[in-house]
ModelCIF file with pLDDT and N, C-alpha, C, O atoms, coordinates in Angstrom:
data_MODEL
#
_entry.id   MODEL 
#
_entity.id                         1 
_entity.type                       polymer 
_entity.pdbx_number_of_molecules   1 
#
_entity_poly.entity_id                      1 
_entity_poly.type                           'polypeptide(L)' 
_entity_poly.nstd_linkage                   no 
_entity_poly.nstd_monomer                   no 
_entity_poly.pdbx_seq_one_letter_code       
;(UNK)(UNK)(UNK)(UNK)(UNK)(UNK)(UNK)(UNK)(UNK)(UNK)(UNK)(UNK)(UNK)(UNK)(UNK)(UNK)
(UNK)(UNK)(UNK)(UNK)(UNK)(UNK)(UNK)(UNK)(UNK)(UNK)(UNK)(UNK)(UNK)(UNK)(UNK)(UNK)
(UNK)(UNK)(UNK)(UNK)(UNK)(UNK)(UNK)(UNK)(UNK)(UNK)(UNK)(UNK)
;
_entity_poly.pdbx_seq_one_letter_code_can   XXXXXXXXXXXXXXXXXXXXXXXXXXXXXXXXXXXXXXXXXXXX 
_entity_poly.pdbx_strand_id                 A 
#
loop_
_entity_poly_seq.entity_id 
_entity_poly_seq.num 
_entity_poly_seq.mon_id 
_entity_poly_seq.hetero 
1 1  UNK n 
1 2  UNK n 
1 3  UNK n 
1 4  UNK n 
1 5  UNK n 
1 6  UNK n 
1 7  UNK n 
1 8  UNK n 
1 9  UNK n 
1 10 UNK n 
1 11 UNK n 
1 12 UNK n 
1 13 UNK n 
1 14 UNK n 
1 15 UNK n 
1 16 UNK n 
1 17 UNK n 
1 18 UNK n 
1 19 UNK n 
1 20 UNK n 
1 21 UNK n 
1 22 UNK n 
1 23 UNK n 
1 24 UNK n 
1 25 UNK n 
1 26 UNK n 
1 27 UNK n 
1 28 UNK n 
1 29 UNK n 
1 30 UNK n 
1 31 UNK n 
1 32 UNK n 
1 33 UNK n 
1 34 UNK n 
1 35 UNK n 
1 36 UNK n 
1 37 UNK n 
1 38 UNK n 
1 39 UNK n 
1 40 UNK n 
1 41 UNK n 
1 42 UNK n 
1 43 UNK n 
1 44 UNK n 
#
_struct_asym.id          A 
_struct_asym.entity_id   1 
#
loop_
_ma_qa_metric.id 
_ma_qa_metric.mode 
_ma_qa_metric.name 
_ma_qa_metric.software_group_id 
_ma_qa_metric.type 
1 global pLDDT . pLDDT 
2 local  pLDDT . pLDDT 
#
_ma_qa_metric_global.metric_id      1 
_ma_qa_metric_global.metric_value   86.80 
_ma_qa_metric_global.model_id       1 
_ma_qa_metric_global.ordinal_id     1 
#
loop_
_ma_qa_metric_local.label_asym_id 
_ma_qa_metric_local.label_comp_id 
_ma_qa_metric_local.label_seq_id 
_ma_qa_metric_local.metric_id 
_ma_qa_metric_local.metric_value 
_ma_qa_metric_local.model_id 
_ma_qa_metric_local.ordinal_id 
A UNK 1  2 96.00 1 1  
A UNK 2  2 95.00 1 2  
A UNK 3  2 95.00 1 3  
A UNK 4  2 92.00 1 4  
A UNK 5  2 88.00 1 5  
A UNK 6  2 86.00 1 6  
A UNK 7  2 90.00 1 7  
A UNK 8  2 91.00 1 8  
A UNK 9  2 93.00 1 9  
A UNK 10 2 94.00 1 10 
A UNK 11 2 94.00 1 11 
A UNK 12 2 94.00 1 12 
A UNK 13 2 96.00 1 13 
A UNK 14 2 94.00 1 14 
A UNK 15 2 95.00 1 15 
A UNK 16 2 93.00 1 16 
A UNK 17 2 92.00 1 17 
A UNK 18 2 92.00 1 18 
A UNK 19 2 90.00 1 19 
A UNK 20 2 94.00 1 20 
A UNK 21 2 93.00 1 21 
A UNK 22 2 84.00 1 22 
A UNK 23 2 76.00 1 23 
A UNK 24 2 66.00 1 24 
A UNK 25 2 71.00 1 25 
A UNK 26 2 66.00 1 26 
A UNK 27 2 69.00 1 27 
A UNK 28 2 73.00 1 28 
A UNK 29 2 71.00 1 29 
A UNK 30 2 66.00 1 30 
A UNK 31 2 70.00 1 31 
A UNK 32 2 77.00 1 32 
A UNK 33 2 79.00 1 33 
A UNK 34 2 84.00 1 34 
A UNK 35 2 88.00 1 35 
A UNK 36 2 92.00 1 36 
A UNK 37 2 91.00 1 37 
A UNK 38 2 86.00 1 38 
A UNK 39 2 89.00 1 39 
A UNK 40 2 93.00 1 40 
A UNK 41 2 93.00 1 41 
A UNK 42 2 95.00 1 42 
A UNK 43 2 96.00 1 43 
A UNK 44 2 97.00 1 44 
#
loop_
_atom_site.group_PDB 
_atom_site.id 
_atom_site.type_symbol 
_atom_site.label_atom_id 
_atom_site.label_alt_id 
_atom_site.label_comp_id 
_atom_site.label_asym_id 
_atom_site.label_entity_id 
_atom_site.label_seq_id 
_atom_site.pdbx_PDB_ins_code 
_atom_site.Cartn_x 
_atom_site.Cartn_y 
_atom_site.Cartn_z 
_atom_site.occupancy 
_atom_site.B_iso_or_equiv 
_atom_site.pdbx_formal_charge 
_atom_site.auth_seq_id 
_atom_site.auth_comp_id 
_atom_site.auth_asym_id 
_atom_site.auth_atom_id 
_atom_site.pdbx_PDB_model_num 
ATOM 1   N N  . UNK A 1 1  ? 102.978 175.313 98.008  1.00 96.00 ? 1  UNK A N  1 
ATOM 2   C CA . UNK A 1 1  ? 102.736 174.568 99.235  1.00 96.00 ? 1  UNK A CA 1 
ATOM 3   C C  . UNK A 1 1  ? 101.348 173.772 99.053  1.00 96.00 ? 1  UNK A C  1 
ATOM 4   O O  . UNK A 1 1  ? 100.345 174.249 98.522  1.00 96.00 ? 1  UNK A O  1 
ATOM 5   N N  . UNK A 1 2  ? 101.475 172.378 99.627  1.00 95.00 ? 2  UNK A N  1 
ATOM 6   C CA . UNK A 1 2  ? 100.233 171.617 99.368  1.00 95.00 ? 2  UNK A CA 1 
ATOM 7   C C  . UNK A 1 2  ? 100.075 170.878 100.771 1.00 95.00 ? 2  UNK A C  1 
ATOM 8   O O  . UNK A 1 2  ? 100.937 170.867 101.650 1.00 95.00 ? 2  UNK A O  1 
ATOM 9   N N  . UNK A 1 3  ? 98.942  170.320 100.828 1.00 95.00 ? 3  UNK A N  1 
ATOM 10  C CA . UNK A 1 3  ? 98.652  169.404 101.987 1.00 95.00 ? 3  UNK A CA 1 
ATOM 11  C C  . UNK A 1 3  ? 97.865  168.145 101.457 1.00 95.00 ? 3  UNK A C  1 
ATOM 12  O O  . UNK A 1 3  ? 96.978  168.357 100.631 1.00 95.00 ? 3  UNK A O  1 
ATOM 13  N N  . UNK A 1 4  ? 98.073  167.072 101.792 1.00 92.00 ? 4  UNK A N  1 
ATOM 14  C CA . UNK A 1 4  ? 97.362  165.769 101.466 1.00 92.00 ? 4  UNK A CA 1 
ATOM 15  C C  . UNK A 1 4  ? 98.175  164.674 101.890 1.00 92.00 ? 4  UNK A C  1 
ATOM 16  O O  . UNK A 1 4  ? 99.207  164.829 102.543 1.00 92.00 ? 4  UNK A O  1 
ATOM 17  N N  . UNK A 1 5  ? 97.695  163.504 101.504 1.00 88.00 ? 5  UNK A N  1 
ATOM 18  C CA . UNK A 1 5  ? 98.230  162.222 101.899 1.00 88.00 ? 5  UNK A CA 1 
ATOM 19  C C  . UNK A 1 5  ? 99.006  161.537 100.720 1.00 88.00 ? 5  UNK A C  1 
ATOM 20  O O  . UNK A 1 5  ? 99.220  162.159 99.679  1.00 88.00 ? 5  UNK A O  1 
ATOM 21  N N  . UNK A 1 6  ? 99.370  160.402 100.881 1.00 86.00 ? 6  UNK A N  1 
ATOM 22  C CA . UNK A 1 6  ? 100.175 159.738 99.837  1.00 86.00 ? 6  UNK A CA 1 
ATOM 23  C C  . UNK A 1 6  ? 99.501  159.684 98.397  1.00 86.00 ? 6  UNK A C  1 
ATOM 24  O O  . UNK A 1 6  ? 100.080 159.833 97.321  1.00 86.00 ? 6  UNK A O  1 
ATOM 25  N N  . UNK A 1 7  ? 98.129  159.436 98.616  1.00 90.00 ? 7  UNK A N  1 
ATOM 26  C CA . UNK A 1 7  ? 97.462  159.343 97.241  1.00 90.00 ? 7  UNK A CA 1 
ATOM 27  C C  . UNK A 1 7  ? 96.399  160.360 97.025  1.00 90.00 ? 7  UNK A C  1 
ATOM 28  O O  . UNK A 1 7  ? 95.597  160.177 96.109  1.00 90.00 ? 7  UNK A O  1 
ATOM 29  N N  . UNK A 1 8  ? 96.310  161.477 97.825  1.00 91.00 ? 8  UNK A N  1 
ATOM 30  C CA . UNK A 1 8  ? 95.352  162.556 97.659  1.00 91.00 ? 8  UNK A CA 1 
ATOM 31  C C  . UNK A 1 8  ? 95.956  163.797 97.832  1.00 91.00 ? 8  UNK A C  1 
ATOM 32  O O  . UNK A 1 8  ? 97.023  163.859 98.444  1.00 91.00 ? 8  UNK A O  1 
ATOM 33  N N  . UNK A 1 9  ? 95.413  164.823 97.369  1.00 93.00 ? 9  UNK A N  1 
ATOM 34  C CA . UNK A 1 9  ? 96.003  166.381 97.451  1.00 93.00 ? 9  UNK A CA 1 
ATOM 35  C C  . UNK A 1 9  ? 94.526  167.106 98.063  1.00 93.00 ? 9  UNK A C  1 
ATOM 36  O O  . UNK A 1 9  ? 93.457  166.969 97.467  1.00 93.00 ? 9  UNK A O  1 
ATOM 37  N N  . UNK A 1 10 ? 94.646  167.769 99.149  1.00 94.00 ? 10 UNK A N  1 
ATOM 38  C CA . UNK A 1 10 ? 93.616  168.373 99.789  1.00 94.00 ? 10 UNK A CA 1 
ATOM 39  C C  . UNK A 1 10 ? 93.642  169.836 99.177  1.00 94.00 ? 10 UNK A C  1 
ATOM 40  O O  . UNK A 1 10 ? 92.589  170.411 98.899  1.00 94.00 ? 10 UNK A O  1 
ATOM 41  N N  . UNK A 1 11 ? 94.769  170.361 98.997  1.00 94.00 ? 11 UNK A N  1 
ATOM 42  C CA . UNK A 1 11 ? 94.864  171.804 98.484  1.00 94.00 ? 11 UNK A CA 1 
ATOM 43  C C  . UNK A 1 11 ? 96.157  172.055 98.054  1.00 94.00 ? 11 UNK A C  1 
ATOM 44  O O  . UNK A 1 11 ? 97.111  171.454 98.549  1.00 94.00 ? 11 UNK A O  1 
ATOM 45  N N  . UNK A 1 12 ? 96.293  172.969 97.091  1.00 94.00 ? 12 UNK A N  1 
ATOM 46  C CA . UNK A 1 12 ? 97.603  173.429 96.696  1.00 94.00 ? 12 UNK A CA 1 
ATOM 47  C C  . UNK A 1 12 ? 97.585  175.021 96.457  1.00 94.00 ? 12 UNK A C  1 
ATOM 48  O O  . UNK A 1 12 ? 96.602  175.521 95.908  1.00 94.00 ? 12 UNK A O  1 
ATOM 49  N N  . UNK A 1 13 ? 98.520  175.709 96.812  1.00 96.00 ? 13 UNK A N  1 
ATOM 50  C CA . UNK A 1 13 ? 98.671  177.013 96.760  1.00 96.00 ? 13 UNK A CA 1 
ATOM 51  C C  . UNK A 1 13 ? 99.894  177.283 95.907  1.00 96.00 ? 13 UNK A C  1 
ATOM 52  O O  . UNK A 1 13 ? 100.926 176.693 96.227  1.00 96.00 ? 13 UNK A O  1 
ATOM 53  N N  . UNK A 1 14 ? 99.911  177.981 95.014  1.00 94.00 ? 14 UNK A N  1 
ATOM 54  C CA . UNK A 1 14 ? 101.030 178.557 94.061  1.00 94.00 ? 14 UNK A CA 1 
ATOM 55  C C  . UNK A 1 14 ? 101.312 179.942 94.049  1.00 94.00 ? 14 UNK A C  1 
ATOM 56  O O  . UNK A 1 14 ? 100.388 180.669 93.686  1.00 94.00 ? 14 UNK A O  1 
ATOM 57  N N  . UNK A 1 15 ? 102.433 180.492 94.380  1.00 95.00 ? 15 UNK A N  1 
ATOM 58  C CA . UNK A 1 15 ? 102.683 181.928 94.449  1.00 95.00 ? 15 UNK A CA 1 
ATOM 59  C C  . UNK A 1 15 ? 103.927 182.102 93.364  1.00 95.00 ? 15 UNK A C  1 
ATOM 60  O O  . UNK A 1 15 ? 104.856 181.316 93.179  1.00 95.00 ? 15 UNK A O  1 
ATOM 61  N N  . UNK A 1 16 ? 103.685 183.277 92.747  1.00 93.00 ? 16 UNK A N  1 
ATOM 62  C CA . UNK A 1 16 ? 104.759 183.630 91.886  1.00 93.00 ? 16 UNK A CA 1 
ATOM 63  C C  . UNK A 1 16 ? 105.352 185.162 92.295  1.00 93.00 ? 16 UNK A C  1 
ATOM 64  O O  . UNK A 1 16 ? 104.598 186.096 92.567  1.00 93.00 ? 16 UNK A O  1 
ATOM 65  N N  . UNK A 1 17 ? 106.630 185.251 92.293  1.00 92.00 ? 17 UNK A N  1 
ATOM 66  C CA . UNK A 1 17 ? 107.067 186.707 92.565  1.00 92.00 ? 17 UNK A CA 1 
ATOM 67  C C  . UNK A 1 17 ? 108.116 187.186 91.714  1.00 92.00 ? 17 UNK A C  1 
ATOM 68  O O  . UNK A 1 17 ? 109.072 186.442 91.497  1.00 92.00 ? 17 UNK A O  1 
ATOM 69  N N  . UNK A 1 18 ? 108.058 188.509 91.122  1.00 92.00 ? 18 UNK A N  1 
ATOM 70  C CA . UNK A 1 18 ? 109.085 189.000 90.403  1.00 92.00 ? 18 UNK A CA 1 
ATOM 71  C C  . UNK A 1 18 ? 109.833 190.195 90.917  1.00 92.00 ? 18 UNK A C  1 
ATOM 72  O O  . UNK A 1 18 ? 109.135 191.185 91.134  1.00 92.00 ? 18 UNK A O  1 
ATOM 73  N N  . UNK A 1 19 ? 111.032 190.285 91.136  1.00 90.00 ? 19 UNK A N  1 
ATOM 74  C CA . UNK A 1 19 ? 111.733 191.302 91.492  1.00 90.00 ? 19 UNK A CA 1 
ATOM 75  C C  . UNK A 1 19 ? 111.903 192.358 90.378  1.00 90.00 ? 19 UNK A C  1 
ATOM 76  O O  . UNK A 1 19 ? 112.687 192.168 89.448  1.00 90.00 ? 19 UNK A O  1 
ATOM 77  N N  . UNK A 1 20 ? 111.186 193.425 90.485  1.00 94.00 ? 20 UNK A N  1 
ATOM 78  C CA . UNK A 1 20 ? 111.193 194.520 89.353  1.00 94.00 ? 20 UNK A CA 1 
ATOM 79  C C  . UNK A 1 20 ? 112.195 195.697 89.761  1.00 94.00 ? 20 UNK A C  1 
ATOM 80  O O  . UNK A 1 20 ? 113.326 195.776 89.282  1.00 94.00 ? 20 UNK A O  1 
ATOM 81  N N  . UNK A 1 21 ? 111.745 196.490 90.571  1.00 93.00 ? 21 UNK A N  1 
ATOM 82  C CA . UNK A 1 21 ? 112.599 197.761 90.782  1.00 93.00 ? 21 UNK A CA 1 
ATOM 83  C C  . UNK A 1 21 ? 113.269 197.737 92.229  1.00 93.00 ? 21 UNK A C  1 
ATOM 84  O O  . UNK A 1 21 ? 113.666 198.780 92.748  1.00 93.00 ? 21 UNK A O  1 
ATOM 85  N N  . UNK A 1 22 ? 113.367 196.588 92.808  1.00 84.00 ? 22 UNK A N  1 
ATOM 86  C CA . UNK A 1 22 ? 113.943 196.567 94.009  1.00 84.00 ? 22 UNK A CA 1 
ATOM 87  C C  . UNK A 1 22 ? 115.423 196.086 94.026  1.00 84.00 ? 22 UNK A C  1 
ATOM 88  O O  . UNK A 1 22 ? 115.882 195.649 92.970  1.00 84.00 ? 22 UNK A O  1 
ATOM 89  N N  . UNK A 1 23 ? 116.124 196.124 95.018  1.00 76.00 ? 23 UNK A N  1 
ATOM 90  C CA . UNK A 1 23 ? 117.344 195.683 95.298  1.00 76.00 ? 23 UNK A CA 1 
ATOM 91  C C  . UNK A 1 23 ? 117.452 194.585 96.331  1.00 76.00 ? 23 UNK A C  1 
ATOM 92  O O  . UNK A 1 23 ? 117.694 194.886 97.500  1.00 76.00 ? 23 UNK A O  1 
ATOM 93  N N  . UNK A 1 24 ? 117.284 193.302 95.955  1.00 66.00 ? 24 UNK A N  1 
ATOM 94  C CA . UNK A 1 24 ? 117.097 192.275 96.938  1.00 66.00 ? 24 UNK A CA 1 
ATOM 95  C C  . UNK A 1 24 ? 118.365 192.297 97.769  1.00 66.00 ? 24 UNK A C  1 
ATOM 96  O O  . UNK A 1 24 ? 119.441 192.465 97.195  1.00 66.00 ? 24 UNK A O  1 
ATOM 97  N N  . UNK A 1 25 ? 118.304 192.125 99.184  1.00 71.00 ? 25 UNK A N  1 
ATOM 98  C CA . UNK A 1 25 ? 119.235 191.952 100.123 1.00 71.00 ? 25 UNK A CA 1 
ATOM 99  C C  . UNK A 1 25 ? 119.241 190.696 100.793 1.00 71.00 ? 25 UNK A C  1 
ATOM 100 O O  . UNK A 1 25 ? 118.439 190.466 101.699 1.00 71.00 ? 25 UNK A O  1 
ATOM 101 N N  . UNK A 1 26 ? 120.120 189.833 100.398 1.00 66.00 ? 26 UNK A N  1 
ATOM 102 C CA . UNK A 1 26 ? 120.164 188.385 101.064 1.00 66.00 ? 26 UNK A CA 1 
ATOM 103 C C  . UNK A 1 26 ? 121.606 188.208 101.668 1.00 66.00 ? 26 UNK A C  1 
ATOM 104 O O  . UNK A 1 26 ? 122.599 188.793 101.236 1.00 66.00 ? 26 UNK A O  1 
ATOM 105 N N  . UNK A 1 27 ? 121.596 187.386 102.652 1.00 69.00 ? 27 UNK A N  1 
ATOM 106 C CA . UNK A 1 27 ? 122.901 186.998 103.298 1.00 69.00 ? 27 UNK A CA 1 
ATOM 107 C C  . UNK A 1 27 ? 123.833 186.418 102.079 1.00 69.00 ? 27 UNK A C  1 
ATOM 108 O O  . UNK A 1 27 ? 123.270 185.846 101.146 1.00 69.00 ? 27 UNK A O  1 
ATOM 109 N N  . UNK A 1 28 ? 125.100 186.550 102.086 1.00 73.00 ? 28 UNK A N  1 
ATOM 110 C CA . UNK A 1 28 ? 126.048 186.062 101.208 1.00 73.00 ? 28 UNK A CA 1 
ATOM 111 C C  . UNK A 1 28 ? 125.877 184.631 100.998 1.00 73.00 ? 28 UNK A C  1 
ATOM 112 O O  . UNK A 1 28 ? 126.145 184.159 99.893  1.00 73.00 ? 28 UNK A O  1 
ATOM 113 N N  . UNK A 1 29 ? 125.430 183.844 102.013 1.00 71.00 ? 29 UNK A N  1 
ATOM 114 C CA . UNK A 1 29 ? 125.301 182.235 101.704 1.00 71.00 ? 29 UNK A CA 1 
ATOM 115 C C  . UNK A 1 29 ? 124.109 182.008 101.061 1.00 71.00 ? 29 UNK A C  1 
ATOM 116 O O  . UNK A 1 29 ? 123.963 180.845 100.686 1.00 71.00 ? 29 UNK A O  1 
ATOM 117 N N  . UNK A 1 30 ? 123.092 182.874 100.788 1.00 66.00 ? 30 UNK A N  1 
ATOM 118 C CA . UNK A 1 30 ? 121.871 182.673 100.132 1.00 66.00 ? 30 UNK A CA 1 
ATOM 119 C C  . UNK A 1 30 ? 122.207 182.603 98.591  1.00 66.00 ? 30 UNK A C  1 
ATOM 120 O O  . UNK A 1 30 ? 123.253 183.029 98.102  1.00 66.00 ? 30 UNK A O  1 
ATOM 121 N N  . UNK A 1 31 ? 121.187 182.013 97.898  1.00 70.00 ? 31 UNK A N  1 
ATOM 122 C CA . UNK A 1 31 ? 121.320 181.958 96.408  1.00 70.00 ? 31 UNK A CA 1 
ATOM 123 C C  . UNK A 1 31 ? 121.285 183.342 95.892  1.00 70.00 ? 31 UNK A C  1 
ATOM 124 O O  . UNK A 1 31 ? 120.633 184.217 96.462  1.00 70.00 ? 31 UNK A O  1 
ATOM 125 N N  . UNK A 1 32 ? 121.984 183.555 94.812  1.00 77.00 ? 32 UNK A N  1 
ATOM 126 C CA . UNK A 1 32 ? 122.009 184.948 94.258  1.00 77.00 ? 32 UNK A CA 1 
ATOM 127 C C  . UNK A 1 32 ? 120.557 185.488 93.834  1.00 77.00 ? 32 UNK A C  1 
ATOM 128 O O  . UNK A 1 32 ? 119.804 184.802 93.143  1.00 77.00 ? 32 UNK A O  1 
ATOM 129 N N  . UNK A 1 33 ? 120.251 186.653 94.259  1.00 79.00 ? 33 UNK A N  1 
ATOM 130 C CA . UNK A 1 33 ? 118.970 187.120 93.843  1.00 79.00 ? 33 UNK A CA 1 
ATOM 131 C C  . UNK A 1 33 ? 119.292 188.621 93.035  1.00 79.00 ? 33 UNK A C  1 
ATOM 132 O O  . UNK A 1 33 ? 120.341 189.234 93.234  1.00 79.00 ? 33 UNK A O  1 
ATOM 133 N N  . UNK A 1 34 ? 118.350 189.045 92.209  1.00 84.00 ? 34 UNK A N  1 
ATOM 134 C CA . UNK A 1 34 ? 118.612 190.111 91.394  1.00 84.00 ? 34 UNK A CA 1 
ATOM 135 C C  . UNK A 1 34 ? 117.168 190.688 91.159  1.00 84.00 ? 34 UNK A C  1 
ATOM 136 O O  . UNK A 1 34 ? 116.175 190.265 91.751  1.00 84.00 ? 34 UNK A O  1 
ATOM 137 N N  . UNK A 1 35 ? 117.162 191.627 90.295  1.00 88.00 ? 35 UNK A N  1 
ATOM 138 C CA . UNK A 1 35 ? 115.985 192.370 89.815  1.00 88.00 ? 35 UNK A CA 1 
ATOM 139 C C  . UNK A 1 35 ? 116.197 192.855 88.517  1.00 88.00 ? 35 UNK A C  1 
ATOM 140 O O  . UNK A 1 35 ? 117.334 192.997 88.068  1.00 88.00 ? 35 UNK A O  1 
ATOM 141 N N  . UNK A 1 36 ? 114.961 193.175 87.745  1.00 92.00 ? 36 UNK A N  1 
ATOM 142 C CA . UNK A 1 36 ? 115.160 193.696 86.482  1.00 92.00 ? 36 UNK A CA 1 
ATOM 143 C C  . UNK A 1 36 ? 115.869 195.015 86.494  1.00 92.00 ? 36 UNK A C  1 
ATOM 144 O O  . UNK A 1 36 ? 116.629 195.301 85.568  1.00 92.00 ? 36 UNK A O  1 
ATOM 145 N N  . UNK A 1 37 ? 115.651 195.876 87.545  1.00 91.00 ? 37 UNK A N  1 
ATOM 146 C CA . UNK A 1 37 ? 116.369 197.257 87.512  1.00 91.00 ? 37 UNK A CA 1 
ATOM 147 C C  . UNK A 1 37 ? 117.734 196.979 87.681  1.00 91.00 ? 37 UNK A C  1 
ATOM 148 O O  . UNK A 1 37 ? 118.504 197.615 86.962  1.00 91.00 ? 37 UNK A O  1 
ATOM 149 N N  . UNK A 1 38 ? 118.248 196.089 88.551  1.00 86.00 ? 38 UNK A N  1 
ATOM 150 C CA . UNK A 1 38 ? 119.523 195.866 88.877  1.00 86.00 ? 38 UNK A CA 1 
ATOM 151 C C  . UNK A 1 38 ? 120.388 195.140 87.496  1.00 86.00 ? 38 UNK A C  1 
ATOM 152 O O  . UNK A 1 38 ? 121.568 195.397 87.256  1.00 86.00 ? 38 UNK A O  1 
ATOM 153 N N  . UNK A 1 39 ? 119.693 194.371 86.826  1.00 89.00 ? 39 UNK A N  1 
ATOM 154 C CA . UNK A 1 39 ? 120.261 193.815 85.664  1.00 89.00 ? 39 UNK A CA 1 
ATOM 155 C C  . UNK A 1 39 ? 120.326 194.653 84.352  1.00 89.00 ? 39 UNK A C  1 
ATOM 156 O O  . UNK A 1 39 ? 121.131 194.423 83.449  1.00 89.00 ? 39 UNK A O  1 
ATOM 157 N N  . UNK A 1 40 ? 119.397 195.649 84.337  1.00 93.00 ? 40 UNK A N  1 
ATOM 158 C CA . UNK A 1 40 ? 119.282 196.536 83.182  1.00 93.00 ? 40 UNK A CA 1 
ATOM 159 C C  . UNK A 1 40 ? 119.770 197.841 83.449  1.00 93.00 ? 40 UNK A C  1 
ATOM 160 O O  . UNK A 1 40 ? 120.136 198.509 82.482  1.00 93.00 ? 40 UNK A O  1 
ATOM 161 N N  . UNK A 1 41 ? 119.849 198.375 84.717  1.00 93.00 ? 41 UNK A N  1 
ATOM 162 C CA . UNK A 1 41 ? 120.195 199.744 85.058  1.00 93.00 ? 41 UNK A CA 1 
ATOM 163 C C  . UNK A 1 41 ? 119.191 200.707 84.782  1.00 93.00 ? 41 UNK A C  1 
ATOM 164 O O  . UNK A 1 41 ? 119.509 201.858 84.482  1.00 93.00 ? 41 UNK A O  1 
ATOM 165 N N  . UNK A 1 42 ? 117.932 200.319 84.860  1.00 95.00 ? 42 UNK A N  1 
ATOM 166 C CA . UNK A 1 42 ? 116.954 201.136 84.592  1.00 95.00 ? 42 UNK A CA 1 
ATOM 167 C C  . UNK A 1 42 ? 115.712 200.939 85.308  1.00 95.00 ? 42 UNK A C  1 
ATOM 168 O O  . UNK A 1 42 ? 115.572 199.799 85.750  1.00 95.00 ? 42 UNK A O  1 
ATOM 169 N N  . UNK A 1 43 ? 114.736 201.790 85.545  1.00 96.00 ? 43 UNK A N  1 
ATOM 170 C CA . UNK A 1 43 ? 113.516 201.569 86.287  1.00 96.00 ? 43 UNK A CA 1 
ATOM 171 C C  . UNK A 1 43 ? 112.507 201.119 85.264  1.00 96.00 ? 43 UNK A C  1 
ATOM 172 O O  . UNK A 1 43 ? 112.441 201.587 84.128  1.00 96.00 ? 43 UNK A O  1 
ATOM 173 N N  . UNK A 1 44 ? 111.619 200.047 85.814  1.00 97.00 ? 44 UNK A N  1 
ATOM 174 C CA . UNK A 1 44 ? 110.678 199.477 84.943  1.00 97.00 ? 44 UNK A CA 1 
ATOM 175 C C  . UNK A 1 44 ? 109.077 199.911 85.452  1.00 97.00 ? 44 UNK A C  1 
ATOM 176 O O  . UNK A 1 44 ? 108.099 199.511 84.820  1.00 97.00 ? 44 UNK A O  1 
#
C-alpha cells in the first residue's frame, strides 16, 4: 500500500503473510488458498 502523487512517493508499506499450519477458508469464487500443512499433510 502506498501514498503519493504522480511523481512522488510519500510512503510505502509492504506486508508478507505465509499460511503455515492453518486451513484457509475462502468463498468458492475467491482465488485458491492453501497452507504448508494442507499441502504436506504435516504440522510445521
